[in-house]
Amino acid sequence: MGARFRPGDRVRVVAARPAISVGRAHIRTPHYVRGQDGMVAEVMGPFRNPEGLATGGDGLPMQVLYRVRFPQAQLWQGYEGPAKDTLEVEIYEHWLEPIHAA
């Protein structure tokens, strides 16, 4: 299974639950990053989908997991820390969409 994104790619976290998402009670992607733009920091490889595993499924098809970096000031209104502060979140591929350069 190949990764759709590479380190340095700009991505947007899907704001609504993706169609491929499974299960009713377990969503692994935090609300505070949904709809936000970030940058792929690392491709971690394919893993079973925890949204399916948590609800008794087999977690298939496997999904590529990424570490995505976000500027803290973008995530937290009124953030007063240094402008260079970032937060990295591990997010599965079905929650990400590409941001195309204008």
PDB file of N, CA and C in Angstrom:
ATOM      1  N   MET A   1       0.853  -1.175   0.000  1.00  0.00           N
ATOM      2  CA  MET A   1       0.000   0.000   0.000  1.00  0.00           C
ATOM      3  C   MET A   1       0.891   1.228   0.000  1.00  0.00           C
ATOM      4  N   GLY A   2       0.744   2.057  -1.008  1.00  0.00           N
ATOM      5  CA  GLY A   2       1.558   3.252  -1.128  1.00  0.00           C
ATOM      6  C   GLY A   2       0.928   4.453  -0.447  1.00  0.00           C
ATOM      7  N   ALA A   3       1.762   5.341   0.015  1.00  0.00           N
ATOM      8  CA  ALA A   3       1.302   6.570   0.661  1.00  0.00           C
ATOM      9  C   ALA A   3       0.902   7.593  -0.397  1.00  0.00           C
ATOM     10  N   ARG A   4      -0.210   8.244  -0.193  1.00  0.00           N
ATOM     11  CA  ARG A   4      -0.703   9.287  -1.102  1.00  0.00           C
ATOM     12  C   ARG A   4       0.091  10.583  -0.936  1.00  0.00           C
ATOM     13  N   PHE A   5       0.584  10.850   0.271  1.00  0.00           N
ATOM     14  CA  PHE A   5       1.291  12.093   0.583  1.00  0.00           C
ATOM     15  C   PHE A   5       2.721  11.795   0.990  1.00  0.00           C
ATOM     16  N   ARG A   6       3.565  12.830   0.899  1.00  0.00           N
ATOM     17  CA  ARG A   6       4.974  12.724   1.290  1.00  0.00           C
ATOM     18  C   ARG A   6       5.290  13.826   2.300  1.00  0.00           C
ATOM     19  N   PRO A   7       6.371  13.676   3.063  1.00  0.00           N
ATOM     20  CA  PRO A   7       6.767  14.753   3.964  1.00  0.00           C
ATOM     21  C   PRO A   7       6.913  16.063   3.188  1.00  0.00           C
ATOM     22  N   GLY A   8       6.387  17.130   3.774  1.00  0.00           N
ATOM     23  CA  GLY A   8       6.415  18.447   3.144  1.00  0.00           C
ATOM     24  C   GLY A   8       5.145  18.790   2.393  1.00  0.00           C
ATOM     25  N   ASP A   9       4.315  17.791   2.076  1.00  0.00           N
ATOM     26  CA  ASP A   9       3.052  18.062   1.382  1.00  0.00           C
ATOM     27  C   ASP A   9       2.100  18.815   2.299  1.00  0.00           C
ATOM     28  N   ARG A  10       1.394  19.781   1.718  1.00  0.00           N
ATOM     29  CA  ARG A  10       0.362  20.512   2.457  1.00  0.00           C
ATOM     30  C   ARG A  10      -0.943  19.736   2.329  1.00  0.00           C
ATOM     31  N   VAL A  11      -1.613  19.555   3.451  1.00  0.00           N
ATOM     32  CA  VAL A  11      -2.857  18.796   3.492  1.00  0.00           C
ATOM     33  C   VAL A  11      -3.895  19.540   4.329  1.00  0.00           C
ATOM     34  N   ARG A  12      -5.136  19.191   4.095  1.00  0.00           N
ATOM     35  CA  ARG A  12      -6.238  19.710   4.917  1.00  0.00           C
ATOM     36  C   ARG A  12      -6.928  18.505   5.548  1.00  0.00           C
ATOM     37  N   VAL A  13      -7.244  18.632   6.824  1.00  0.00           N
ATOM     38  CA  VAL A  13      -7.981  17.585   7.518  1.00  0.00           C
ATOM     39  C   VAL A  13      -9.459  17.758   7.168  1.00  0.00           C
ATOM     40  N   VAL A  14     -10.083  16.669   6.768  1.00  0.00           N
ATOM     41  CA  VAL A  14     -11.492  16.695   6.412  1.00  0.00           C
ATOM     42  C   VAL A  14     -12.293  17.170   7.628  1.00  0.00           C
ATOM     43  N   ALA A  15     -13.220  18.092   7.393  1.00  0.00           N
ATOM     44  CA  ALA A  15     -14.009  18.647   8.499  1.00  0.00           C
ATOM     45  C   ALA A  15     -15.130  17.702   8.921  1.00  0.00           C
ATOM     46  N   ALA A  16     -15.761  17.055   7.961  1.00  0.00           N
ATOM     47  CA  ALA A  16     -16.848  16.117   8.259  1.00  0.00           C
ATOM     48  C   ALA A  16     -16.286  14.702   8.248  1.00  0.00           C
ATOM     49  N   ARG A  17     -17.001  13.789   8.819  1.00  0.00           N
ATOM     50  CA  ARG A  17     -16.565  12.400   8.862  1.00  0.00           C
ATOM     51  C   ARG A  17     -16.448  11.832   7.446  1.00  0.00           C
ATOM     52  N   PRO A  18     -15.289  11.290   7.055  1.00  0.00           N
ATOM     53  CA  PRO A  18     -15.126  10.734   5.707  1.00  0.00           C
ATOM     54  C   PRO A  18     -16.033   9.535   5.462  1.00  0.00           C
ATOM     55  N   ALA A  19     -16.409   9.339   4.212  1.00  0.00           N
ATOM     56  CA  ALA A  19     -17.286   8.226   3.855  1.00  0.00           C
ATOM     57  C   ALA A  19     -16.663   6.876   4.198  1.00  0.00           C
ATOM     58  N   ILE A  20     -15.338   6.768   4.113  1.00  0.00           N
ATOM     59  CA  ILE A  20     -14.659   5.499   4.387  1.00  0.00           C
ATOM     60  C   ILE A  20     -14.578   5.218   5.889  1.00  0.00           C
ATOM     61  N   SER A  21     -14.826   6.230   6.702  1.00  0.00           N
ATOM     62  CA  SER A  21     -14.757   6.080   8.145  1.00  0.00           C
ATOM     63  C   SER A  21     -15.789   5.046   8.601  1.00  0.00           C
ATOM     64  N   VAL A  22     -15.410   4.200   9.529  1.00  0.00           N
ATOM     65  CA  VAL A  22     -16.302   3.143   9.993  1.00  0.00           C
ATOM     66  C   VAL A  22     -16.556   3.271  11.488  1.00  0.00           C
ATOM     67  N   GLY A  23     -17.565   2.608  11.940  1.00  0.00           N
ATOM     68  CA  GLY A  23     -17.878   2.633  13.360  1.00  0.00           C
ATOM     69  C   GLY A  23     -18.689   3.859  13.727  1.00  0.00           C
ATOM     70  N   ARG A  24     -19.377   3.767  14.823  1.00  0.00           N
ATOM     71  CA  ARG A  24     -20.226   4.871  15.240  1.00  0.00           C
ATOM     72  C   ARG A  24     -19.655   5.664  16.402  1.00  0.00           C
ATOM     73  N   ALA A  25     -18.949   5.004  17.285  1.00  0.00           N
ATOM     74  CA  ALA A  25     -18.565   5.656  18.525  1.00  0.00           C
ATOM     75  C   ALA A  25     -17.116   6.122  18.568  1.00  0.00           C
ATOM     76  N   HIS A  26     -16.271   5.615  17.701  1.00  0.00           N
ATOM     77  CA  HIS A  26     -14.841   5.906  17.842  1.00  0.00           C
ATOM     78  C   HIS A  26     -14.314   6.637  16.622  1.00  0.00           C
ATOM     79  N   ILE A  27     -13.962   7.890  16.801  1.00  0.00           N
ATOM     80  CA  ILE A  27     -13.300   8.666  15.763  1.00  0.00           C
ATOM     81  C   ILE A  27     -11.988   9.128  16.352  1.00  0.00           C
ATOM     82  N   ARG A  28     -10.883   8.802  15.685  1.00  0.00           N
ATOM     83  CA  ARG A  28      -9.567   9.058  16.248  1.00  0.00           C
ATOM     84  C   ARG A  28      -9.052  10.466  15.962  1.00  0.00           C
ATOM     85  N   THR A  29      -9.602  11.161  14.978  1.00  0.00           N
ATOM     86  CA  THR A  29      -9.091  12.474  14.598  1.00  0.00           C
ATOM     87  C   THR A  29      -9.715  13.559  15.475  1.00  0.00           C
ATOM     88  N   PRO A  30      -8.897  14.329  16.203  1.00  0.00           N
ATOM     89  CA  PRO A  30      -9.437  15.336  17.129  1.00  0.00           C
ATOM     90  C   PRO A  30     -10.227  16.435  16.413  1.00  0.00           C
ATOM     91  N   HIS A  31     -11.256  16.898  17.073  1.00  0.00           N
ATOM     92  CA  HIS A  31     -12.091  17.971  16.516  1.00  0.00           C
ATOM     93  C   HIS A  31     -11.284  19.224  16.218  1.00  0.00           C
ATOM     94  N   TYR A  32     -10.330  19.568  17.056  1.00  0.00           N
ATOM     95  CA  TYR A  32      -9.627  20.846  16.905  1.00  0.00           C
ATOM     96  C   TYR A  32      -8.726  20.911  15.676  1.00  0.00           C
ATOM     97  N   VAL A  33      -8.481  19.785  14.993  1.00  0.00           N
ATOM     98  CA  VAL A  33      -7.710  19.848  13.747  1.00  0.00           C
ATOM     99  C   VAL A  33      -8.582  19.664  12.504  1.00  0.00           C
ATOM    100  N   ARG A  34      -9.842  19.326  12.682  1.00  0.00           N
ATOM    101  CA  ARG A  34     -10.715  19.125  11.524  1.00  0.00           C
ATOM    102  C   ARG A  34     -10.934  20.436  10.791  1.00  0.00           C
ATOM    103  N   GLY A  35     -10.756  20.382   9.471  1.00  0.00           N
ATOM    104  CA  GLY A  35     -10.881  21.570   8.645  1.00  0.00           C
ATOM    105  C   GLY A  35      -9.635  22.431   8.621  1.00  0.00           C
ATOM    106  N   GLN A  36      -8.597  22.032   9.343  1.00  0.00           N
ATOM    107  CA  GLN A  36      -7.358  22.812   9.428  1.00  0.00           C
ATOM    108  C   GLN A  36      -6.342  22.350   8.388  1.00  0.00           C
ATOM    109  N   ASP A  37      -5.492  23.283   7.981  1.00  0.00           N
ATOM    110  CA  ASP A  37      -4.401  22.996   7.047  1.00  0.00           C
ATOM    111  C   ASP A  37      -3.127  22.695   7.822  1.00  0.00           C
ATOM    112  N   GLY A  38      -2.409  21.696   7.361  1.00  0.00           N
ATOM    113  CA  GLY A  38      -1.150  21.340   7.987  1.00  0.00           C
ATOM    114  C   GLY A  38      -0.155  20.845   6.958  1.00  0.00           C
ATOM    115  N   MET A  39       0.971  20.358   7.442  1.00  0.00           N
ATOM    116  CA  MET A  39       2.020  19.849   6.581  1.00  0.00           C
ATOM    117  C   MET A  39       2.404  18.448   7.054  1.00  0.00           C
ATOM    118  N   VAL A  40       2.531  17.532   6.110  1.00  0.00           N
ATOM    119  CA  VAL A  40       2.957  16.177   6.465  1.00  0.00           C
ATOM    120  C   VAL A  40       4.394  16.246   6.966  1.00  0.00           C
ATOM    121  N   ALA A  41       4.591  15.805   8.200  1.00  0.00           N
ATOM    122  CA  ALA A  41       5.926  15.779   8.796  1.00  0.00           C
ATOM    123  C   ALA A  41       6.575  14.412   8.613  1.00  0.00           C
ATOM    124  N   GLU A  42       5.742  13.351   8.598  1.00  0.00           N
ATOM    125  CA  GLU A  42       6.287  11.994   8.512  1.00  0.00           C
ATOM    126  C   GLU A  42       5.209  11.046   8.002  1.00  0.00           C
ATOM    127  N   VAL A  43       5.625  10.094   7.172  1.00  0.00           N
ATOM    128  CA  VAL A  43       4.760   8.990   6.749  1.00  0.00           C
ATOM    129  C   VAL A  43       5.106   7.821   7.657  1.00  0.00           C
ATOM    130  N   MET A  44       4.146   7.368   8.419  1.00  0.00           N
ATOM    131  CA  MET A  44       4.409   6.327   9.405  1.00  0.00           C
ATOM    132  C   MET A  44       4.118   4.922   8.897  1.00  0.00           C
ATOM    133  N   GLY A  45       3.401   4.821   7.771  1.00  0.00           N
ATOM    134  CA  GLY A  45       3.130   3.520   7.165  1.00  0.00           C
ATOM    135  C   GLY A  45       1.693   3.078   7.351  1.00  0.00           C
ATOM    136  N   PRO A  46       1.345   1.926   6.758  1.00  0.00           N
ATOM    137  CA  PRO A  46      -0.026   1.425   6.849  1.00  0.00           C
ATOM    138  C   PRO A  46      -0.285   0.672   8.155  1.00  0.00           C
ATOM    139  N   PHE A  47      -1.474   0.897   8.681  1.00  0.00           N
ATOM    140  CA  PHE A  47      -1.926   0.225   9.902  1.00  0.00           C
ATOM    141  C   PHE A  47      -3.407  -0.099   9.746  1.00  0.00           C
ATOM    142  N   ARG A  48      -3.880  -1.014  10.553  1.00  0.00           N
ATOM    143  CA  ARG A  48      -5.321  -1.272  10.584  1.00  0.00           C
ATOM    144  C   ARG A  48      -6.028  -0.022  11.097  1.00  0.00           C
ATOM    145  N   ASN A  49      -7.180   0.261  10.535  1.00  0.00           N
ATOM    146  CA  ASN A  49      -7.948   1.455  10.883  1.00  0.00           C
ATOM    147  C   ASN A  49      -8.529   1.314  12.292  1.00  0.00           C
ATOM    148  N   PRO A  50      -8.099   2.159  13.246  1.00  0.00           N
ATOM    149  CA  PRO A  50      -8.582   2.020  14.626  1.00  0.00           C
ATOM    150  C   PRO A  50     -10.068   2.326  14.770  1.00  0.00           C
ATOM    151  N   GLU A  51     -10.658   3.051  13.836  1.00  0.00           N
ATOM    152  CA  GLU A  51     -12.103   3.324  13.891  1.00  0.00           C
ATOM    153  C   GLU A  51     -12.886   2.034  13.710  1.00  0.00           C
ATOM    154  N   GLY A  52     -12.357   1.116  12.904  1.00  0.00           N
ATOM    155  CA  GLY A  52     -12.994  -0.179  12.730  1.00  0.00           C
ATOM    156  C   GLY A  52     -12.661  -1.140  13.852  1.00  0.00           C
ATOM    157  N   LEU A  53     -11.420  -1.126  14.299  1.00  0.00           N
ATOM    158  CA  LEU A  53     -11.005  -2.020  15.382  1.00  0.00           C
ATOM    159  C   LEU A  53     -11.766  -1.732  16.671  1.00  0.00           C
ATOM    160  N   ALA A  54     -12.005  -0.463  16.962  1.00  0.00           N
ATOM    161  CA  ALA A  54     -12.654  -0.082  18.221  1.00  0.00           C
ATOM    162  C   ALA A  54     -14.115  -0.515  18.281  1.00  0.00           C
ATOM    163  N   THR A  55     -14.686  -0.792  17.127  1.00  0.00           N
ATOM    164  CA  THR A  55     -16.102  -1.180  17.104  1.00  0.00           C
ATOM    165  C   THR A  55     -16.271  -2.662  16.774  1.00  0.00           C
ATOM    166  N   GLY A  56     -15.198  -3.439  16.944  1.00  0.00           N
ATOM    167  CA  GLY A  56     -15.262  -4.880  16.766  1.00  0.00           C
ATOM    168  C   GLY A  56     -14.964  -5.365  15.367  1.00  0.00           C
ATOM    169  N   GLY A  57     -14.585  -4.471  14.457  1.00  0.00           N
ATOM    170  CA  GLY A  57     -14.256  -4.878  13.094  1.00  0.00           C
ATOM    171  C   GLY A  57     -12.807  -5.312  12.975  1.00  0.00           C
ATOM    172  N   ASP A  58     -12.411  -5.605  11.736  1.00  0.00           N
ATOM    173  CA  ASP A  58     -11.045  -6.074  11.492  1.00  0.00           C
ATOM    174  C   ASP A  58     -10.073  -4.941  11.163  1.00  0.00           C
ATOM    175  N   GLY A  59     -10.573  -3.697  11.026  1.00  0.00           N
ATOM    176  CA  GLY A  59      -9.703  -2.565  10.743  1.00  0.00           C
ATOM    177  C   GLY A  59      -9.221  -2.510   9.309  1.00  0.00           C
ATOM    178  N   LEU A  60      -9.855  -3.272   8.444  1.00  0.00           N
ATOM    179  CA  LEU A  60      -9.471  -3.300   7.036  1.00  0.00           C
ATOM    180  C   LEU A  60     -10.470  -2.506   6.203  1.00  0.00           C
ATOM    181  N   PRO A  61     -10.051  -1.890   5.142  1.00  0.00           N
ATOM    182  CA  PRO A  61      -8.699  -1.907   4.601  1.00  0.00           C
ATOM    183  C   PRO A  61      -7.746  -1.091   5.476  1.00  0.00           C
ATOM    184  N   MET A  62      -6.480  -1.464   5.413  1.00  0.00           N
ATOM    185  CA  MET A  62      -5.471  -0.731   6.162  1.00  0.00           C
ATOM    186  C   MET A  62      -5.385   0.686   5.617  1.00  0.00           C
ATOM    187  N   GLN A  63      -4.971   1.607   6.472  1.00  0.00           N
ATOM    188  CA  GLN A  63      -4.845   3.012   6.117  1.00  0.00           C
ATOM    189  C   GLN A  63      -3.440   3.488   6.448  1.00  0.00           C
ATOM    190  N   VAL A  64      -2.897   4.350   5.589  1.00  0.00           N
ATOM    191  CA  VAL A  64      -1.584   4.932   5.872  1.00  0.00           C
ATOM    192  C   VAL A  64      -1.750   5.986   6.961  1.00  0.00           C
ATOM    193  N   LEU A  65      -0.861   5.960   7.936  1.00  0.00           N
ATOM    194  CA  LEU A  65      -0.872   6.903   9.038  1.00  0.00           C
ATOM    195  C   LEU A  65       0.221   7.946   8.812  1.00  0.00           C
ATOM    196  N   TYR A  66      -0.123   9.206   9.046  1.00  0.00           N
ATOM    197  CA  TYR A  66       0.801  10.327   8.868  1.00  0.00           C
ATOM    198  C   TYR A  66       0.929  11.099  10.172  1.00  0.00           C
ATOM    199  N   ARG A  67       2.069  11.727  10.356  1.00  0.00           N
ATOM    200  CA  ARG A  67       2.231  12.722  11.412  1.00  0.00           C
ATOM    201  C   ARG A  67       2.125  14.063  10.692  1.00  0.00           C
ATOM    202  N   VAL A  68       1.108  14.858  11.070  1.00  0.00           N
ATOM    203  CA  VAL A  68       0.835  16.133  10.410  1.00  0.00           C
ATOM    204  C   VAL A  68       1.126  17.267  11.401  1.00  0.00           C
ATOM    205  N   ARG A  69       1.828  18.279  10.926  1.00  0.00           N
ATOM    206  CA  ARG A  69       2.263  19.403  11.760  1.00  0.00           C
ATOM    207  C   ARG A  69       1.374  20.625  11.499  1.00  0.00           C
ATOM    208  N   PHE A  70       0.926  21.246  12.593  1.00  0.00           N
ATOM    209  CA  PHE A  70       0.080  22.433  12.539  1.00  0.00           C
ATOM    210  C   PHE A  70       0.708  23.555  13.365  1.00  0.00           C
ATOM    211  N   PRO A  71       0.665  24.798  12.882  1.00  0.00           N
ATOM    212  CA  PRO A  71       1.090  25.920  13.724  1.00  0.00           C
ATOM    213  C   PRO A  71       0.107  26.060  14.896  1.00  0.00           C
ATOM    214  N   GLN A  72       0.613  26.166  16.108  1.00  0.00           N
ATOM    215  CA  GLN A  72      -0.262  26.270  17.280  1.00  0.00           C
ATOM    216  C   GLN A  72      -1.177  27.493  17.191  1.00  0.00           C
ATOM    217  N   ALA A  73      -0.645  28.608  16.697  1.00  0.00           N
ATOM    218  CA  ALA A  73      -1.454  29.833  16.613  1.00  0.00           C
ATOM    219  C   ALA A  73      -2.660  29.650  15.695  1.00  0.00           C
ATOM    220  N   GLN A  74      -2.560  28.738  14.739  1.00  0.00           N
ATOM    221  CA  GLN A  74      -3.674  28.456  13.840  1.00  0.00           C
ATOM    222  C   GLN A  74      -4.768  27.662  14.546  1.00  0.00           C
ATOM    223  N   LEU A  75      -4.379  26.830  15.504  1.00  0.00           N
ATOM    224  CA  LEU A  75      -5.332  25.964  16.184  1.00  0.00           C
ATOM    225  C   LEU A  75      -6.029  26.609  17.374  1.00  0.00           C
ATOM    226  N   TRP A  76      -5.326  27.479  18.072  1.00  0.00           N
ATOM    227  CA  TRP A  76      -5.842  28.014  19.331  1.00  0.00           C
ATOM    228  C   TRP A  76      -5.995  29.530  19.236  1.00  0.00           C
ATOM    229  N   GLN A  77      -7.202  29.989  19.213  1.00  0.00           N
ATOM    230  CA  GLN A  77      -7.470  31.432  19.160  1.00  0.00           C
ATOM    231  C   GLN A  77      -6.833  32.111  20.375  1.00  0.00           C
ATOM    232  N   GLY A  78      -6.095  33.183  20.135  1.00  0.00           N
ATOM    233  CA  GLY A  78      -5.448  33.909  21.217  1.00  0.00           C
ATOM    234  C   GLY A  78      -4.164  33.261  21.712  1.00  0.00           C
ATOM    235  N   TYR A  79      -3.626  32.299  20.958  1.00  0.00           N
ATOM    236  CA  TYR A  79      -2.383  31.638  21.369  1.00  0.00           C
ATOM    237  C   TYR A  79      -1.277  32.673  21.531  1.00  0.00           C
ATOM    238  N   GLU A  80      -0.605  32.664  22.677  1.00  0.00           N
ATOM    239  CA  GLU A  80       0.395  33.687  22.981  1.00  0.00           C
ATOM    240  C   GLU A  80       1.823  33.162  22.995  1.00  0.00           C
ATOM    241  N   GLY A  81       2.001  31.909  22.639  1.00  0.00           N
ATOM    242  CA  GLY A  81       3.346  31.339  22.615  1.00  0.00           C
ATOM    243  C   GLY A  81       4.117  31.802  21.390  1.00  0.00           C
ATOM    244  N   PRO A  82       5.352  31.360  21.281  1.00  0.00           N
ATOM    245  CA  PRO A  82       6.172  31.728  20.123  1.00  0.00           C
ATOM    246  C   PRO A  82       5.509  31.317  18.805  1.00  0.00           C
ATOM    247  N   ALA A  83       5.660  32.143  17.778  1.00  0.00           N
ATOM    248  CA  ALA A  83       5.055  31.900  16.474  1.00  0.00           C
ATOM    249  C   ALA A  83       5.531  30.589  15.853  1.00  0.00           C
ATOM    250  N   LYS A  84       6.718  30.122  16.233  1.00  0.00           N
ATOM    251  CA  LYS A  84       7.254  28.888  15.656  1.00  0.00           C
ATOM    252  C   LYS A  84       6.698  27.618  16.310  1.00  0.00           C
ATOM    253  N   ASP A  85       5.914  27.743  17.370  1.00  0.00           N
ATOM    254  CA  ASP A  85       5.362  26.577  18.062  1.00  0.00           C
ATOM    255  C   ASP A  85       4.427  25.797  17.148  1.00  0.00           C
ATOM    256  N   THR A  86       4.600  24.472  17.149  1.00  0.00           N
ATOM    257  CA  THR A  86       3.751  23.597  16.342  1.00  0.00           C
ATOM    258  C   THR A  86       3.209  22.456  17.192  1.00  0.00           C
ATOM    259  N   LEU A  87       2.196  21.806  16.644  1.00  0.00           N
ATOM    260  CA  LEU A  87       1.614  20.617  17.249  1.00  0.00           C
ATOM    261  C   LEU A  87       1.589  19.547  16.176  1.00  0.00           C
ATOM    262  N   GLU A  88       2.024  18.343  16.493  1.00  0.00           N
ATOM    263  CA  GLU A  88       1.973  17.237  15.550  1.00  0.00           C
ATOM    264  C   GLU A  88       0.910  16.244  15.998  1.00  0.00           C
ATOM    265  N   VAL A  89       0.077  15.834  15.034  1.00  0.00           N
ATOM    266  CA  VAL A  89      -1.024  14.919  15.294  1.00  0.00           C
ATOM    267  C   VAL A  89      -0.926  13.766  14.304  1.00  0.00           C
ATOM    268  N   GLU A  90      -1.123  12.545  14.778  1.00  0.00           N
ATOM    269  CA  GLU A  90      -1.121  11.388  13.894  1.00  0.00           C
ATOM    270  C   GLU A  90      -2.520  11.218  13.320  1.00  0.00           C
ATOM    271  N   ILE A  91      -2.597  11.226  11.971  1.00  0.00           N
ATOM    272  CA  ILE A  91      -3.882  11.227  11.283  1.00  0.00           C
ATOM    273  C   ILE A  91      -3.835  10.220  10.136  1.00  0.00           C
ATOM    274  N   TYR A  92      -4.888   9.428  10.013  1.00  0.00           N
ATOM    275  CA  TYR A  92      -4.967   8.445   8.939  1.00  0.00           C
ATOM    276  C   TYR A  92      -5.351   9.108   7.614  1.00  0.00           C
ATOM    277  N   GLU A  93      -4.890   8.478   6.519  1.00  0.00           N
ATOM    278  CA  GLU A  93      -5.010   9.040   5.184  1.00  0.00           C
ATOM    279  C   GLU A  93      -6.442   9.398   4.786  1.00  0.00           C
ATOM    280  N   HIS A  94      -7.433   8.617   5.199  1.00  0.00           N
ATOM    281  CA  HIS A  94      -8.803   8.901   4.772  1.00  0.00           C
ATOM    282  C   HIS A  94      -9.356  10.192   5.385  1.00  0.00           C
ATOM    283  N   TRP A  95      -8.638  10.772   6.320  1.00  0.00           N
ATOM    284  CA  TRP A  95      -9.024  12.070   6.906  1.00  0.00           C
ATOM    285  C   TRP A  95      -8.312  13.234   6.236  1.00  0.00           C
ATOM    286  N   LEU A  96      -7.455  12.987   5.248  1.00  0.00           N
ATOM    287  CA  LEU A  96      -6.653  14.045   4.654  1.00  0.00           C
ATOM    288  C   LEU A  96      -6.991  14.269   3.186  1.00  0.00           C
ATOM    289  N   GLU A  97      -6.905  15.528   2.778  1.00  0.00           N
ATOM    290  CA  GLU A  97      -7.055  15.857   1.366  1.00  0.00           C
ATOM    291  C   GLU A  97      -5.926  16.815   0.986  1.00  0.00           C
ATOM    292  N   PRO A  98      -5.511  16.773  -0.279  1.00  0.00           N
ATOM    293  CA  PRO A  98      -4.387  17.637  -0.686  1.00  0.00           C
ATOM    294  C   PRO A  98      -4.801  19.096  -0.776  1.00  0.00           C
ATOM    295  N   ILE A  99      -3.839  19.966  -0.527  1.00  0.00           N
ATOM    296  CA  ILE A  99      -4.012  21.396  -0.772  1.00  0.00           C
ATOM    297  C   ILE A  99      -3.163  21.697  -1.985  1.00  0.00           C
ATOM    298  N   HIS A 100      -3.798  22.150  -3.030  1.00  0.00           N
ATOM    299  CA  HIS A 100      -3.079  22.440  -4.279  1.00  0.00           C
ATOM    300  C   HIS A 100      -2.622  23.887  -4.267  1.00  0.00           C
ATOM    301  N   ALA A 101      -1.398  24.098  -4.694  1.00  0.00           N
ATOM    302  CA  ALA A 101      -0.831  25.456  -4.763  1.00  0.00           C
ATOM    303  C   ALA A 101      -1.627  26.279  -5.757  1.00  0.00           C
ATOM    304  N   ALA A 102      -1.850  27.538  -5.398  1.00  0.00           N
ATOM    305  CA  ALA A 102      -2.621  28.442  -6.280  1.00  0.00           C
ATOM    306  C   ALA A 102      -1.744  29.040  -7.337  1.00  0.00           C
TER     307      ALA A 102
END
